[in-house]
Amino acid sequence: MKKVMQLSGLTCAHCQKRVENALNAIDGVSAQINLEKQQAVVKLSKAVDDQVLRTAVEEAGYEVLSISEKKGLFGL
């Protein structure tokens, strides 16, 4: 499963790496941050509650505006 997190407060590569490290420290999470779009694309290898993802980003010092499930082709 993939989720897209819309973030706020990321201004540089250091911010990007800090959030990426915070998310990737969660068991079952593989995250990539797009600094320009202020988004994290999170791949989950097991169920992880949205609140766990939100807390990791907030504890790193940034804001989560939204979390949505990323659908595949044709919404599948």
C-alpha atoms as a PDB file:
ATOM      1  CA  MET A   1       0.000   0.000   0.000  1.00  0.00           C
ATOM      2  CA  LYS A   2       1.127   3.549  -0.694  1.00  0.00           C
ATOM      3  CA  LYS A   3       0.133   6.744   1.049  1.00  0.00           C
ATOM      4  CA  VAL A   4       0.813  10.344   0.127  1.00  0.00           C
ATOM      5  CA  MET A   5       1.428  12.813   2.922  1.00  0.00           C
ATOM      6  CA  GLN A   6       1.087  16.515   2.166  1.00  0.00           C
ATOM      7  CA  LEU A   7       3.570  18.340   4.392  1.00  0.00           C
ATOM      8  CA  SER A   8       4.372  21.887   5.419  1.00  0.00           C
ATOM      9  CA  GLY A   9       7.555  23.544   6.618  1.00  0.00           C
ATOM     10  CA  LEU A  10      10.143  21.751   4.482  1.00  0.00           C
ATOM     11  CA  THR A  11      12.531  24.354   3.106  1.00  0.00           C
ATOM     12  CA  CYS A  12      15.791  22.548   2.340  1.00  0.00           C
ATOM     13  CA  ALA A  13      17.513  19.218   1.766  1.00  0.00           C
ATOM     14  CA  HIS A  14      18.205  18.956   5.507  1.00  0.00           C
ATOM     15  CA  CYS A  15      14.457  19.176   6.220  1.00  0.00           C
ATOM     16  CA  GLN A  16      13.827  16.575   3.548  1.00  0.00           C
ATOM     17  CA  LYS A  17      16.344  14.133   5.034  1.00  0.00           C
ATOM     18  CA  ARG A  18      15.112  14.714   8.577  1.00  0.00           C
ATOM     19  CA  VAL A  19      11.517  13.783   7.682  1.00  0.00           C
ATOM     20  CA  GLU A  20      12.658  10.889   5.503  1.00  0.00           C
ATOM     21  CA  ASN A  21      14.739   9.470   8.366  1.00  0.00           C
ATOM     22  CA  ALA A  22      11.860   9.899  10.844  1.00  0.00           C
ATOM     23  CA  LEU A  23       9.432   8.018   8.619  1.00  0.00           C
ATOM     24  CA  ASN A  24      11.913   5.330   7.576  1.00  0.00           C
ATOM     25  CA  ALA A  25      12.630   4.591  11.255  1.00  0.00           C
ATOM     26  CA  ILE A  26       9.091   3.172  11.521  1.00  0.00           C
ATOM     27  CA  ASP A  27       8.952  -0.594  11.010  1.00  0.00           C
ATOM     28  CA  GLY A  28       7.323  -1.420   7.667  1.00  0.00           C
ATOM     29  CA  VAL A  29       7.757   2.066   6.181  1.00  0.00           C
ATOM     30  CA  SER A  30       9.788   3.137   3.159  1.00  0.00           C
ATOM     31  CA  ALA A  31       9.407   6.869   2.474  1.00  0.00           C
ATOM     32  CA  GLN A  32      10.652   9.264  -0.175  1.00  0.00           C
ATOM     33  CA  ILE A  33      10.223  13.013   0.179  1.00  0.00           C
ATOM     34  CA  ASN A  34       9.592  15.403  -2.715  1.00  0.00           C
ATOM     35  CA  LEU A  35      10.832  18.746  -1.417  1.00  0.00           C
ATOM     36  CA  GLU A  36       9.368  20.757  -4.281  1.00  0.00           C
ATOM     37  CA  LYS A  37       5.855  19.317  -3.818  1.00  0.00           C
ATOM     38  CA  GLN A  38       6.201  19.145  -0.004  1.00  0.00           C
ATOM     39  CA  GLN A  39       5.048  15.520  -0.169  1.00  0.00           C
ATOM     40  CA  ALA A  40       6.090  12.202   1.274  1.00  0.00           C
ATOM     41  CA  VAL A  41       5.277   9.064  -0.695  1.00  0.00           C
ATOM     42  CA  VAL A  42       5.145   6.278   1.858  1.00  0.00           C
ATOM     43  CA  LYS A  43       5.258   2.594   0.897  1.00  0.00           C
ATOM     44  CA  LEU A  44       3.937   0.307   3.607  1.00  0.00           C
ATOM     45  CA  SER A  45       4.944  -3.350   3.825  1.00  0.00           C
ATOM     46  CA  LYS A  46       2.520  -3.819   6.727  1.00  0.00           C
ATOM     47  CA  ALA A  47      -0.324  -1.906   8.356  1.00  0.00           C
ATOM     48  CA  VAL A  48       0.800   1.364   9.950  1.00  0.00           C
ATOM     49  CA  ASP A  49      -1.744   3.748  11.438  1.00  0.00           C
ATOM     50  CA  ASP A  50      -1.881   7.268   9.982  1.00  0.00           C
ATOM     51  CA  GLN A  51      -1.395   8.714  13.457  1.00  0.00           C
ATOM     52  CA  VAL A  52       1.978   6.934  13.749  1.00  0.00           C
ATOM     53  CA  LEU A  53       3.100   8.540  10.482  1.00  0.00           C
ATOM     54  CA  ARG A  54       1.747  11.944  11.537  1.00  0.00           C
ATOM     55  CA  THR A  55       3.481  11.772  14.927  1.00  0.00           C
ATOM     56  CA  ALA A  56       6.860  10.907  13.367  1.00  0.00           C
ATOM     57  CA  VAL A  57       6.702  13.949  11.082  1.00  0.00           C
ATOM     58  CA  GLU A  58       5.474  16.268  13.841  1.00  0.00           C
ATOM     59  CA  GLU A  59       8.186  15.086  16.248  1.00  0.00           C
ATOM     60  CA  ALA A  60      10.733  15.907  13.517  1.00  0.00           C
ATOM     61  CA  GLY A  61       9.368  19.477  13.611  1.00  0.00           C
ATOM     62  CA  TYR A  62       7.082  19.621  10.581  1.00  0.00           C
ATOM     63  CA  GLU A  63       3.352  19.759   9.890  1.00  0.00           C
ATOM     64  CA  VAL A  64       1.200  17.142   8.154  1.00  0.00           C
ATOM     65  CA  LEU A  65      -1.610  18.765   6.167  1.00  0.00           C
ATOM     66  CA  SER A  66      -3.174  15.539   4.889  1.00  0.00           C
ATOM     67  CA  ILE A  67      -2.642  11.818   4.408  1.00  0.00           C
ATOM     68  CA  SER A  68      -4.309   9.987   1.552  1.00  0.00           C
ATOM     69  CA  GLU A  69      -4.111   6.512   0.100  1.00  0.00           C
ATOM     70  CA  LYS A  70      -2.464   6.420  -3.301  1.00  0.00           C
ATOM     71  CA  LYS A  71      -4.523   4.390  -5.717  1.00  0.00           C
ATOM     72  CA  GLY A  72      -3.032   2.461  -8.595  1.00  0.00           C
ATOM     73  CA  LEU A  73      -4.113   2.549 -12.209  1.00  0.00           C
ATOM     74  CA  PHE A  74      -7.905   2.881 -12.554  1.00  0.00           C
ATOM     75  CA  GLY A  75      -8.259   3.306  -8.787  1.00  0.00           C
ATOM     76  CA  LEU A  76      -7.304  -0.308  -8.025  1.00  0.00           C
END
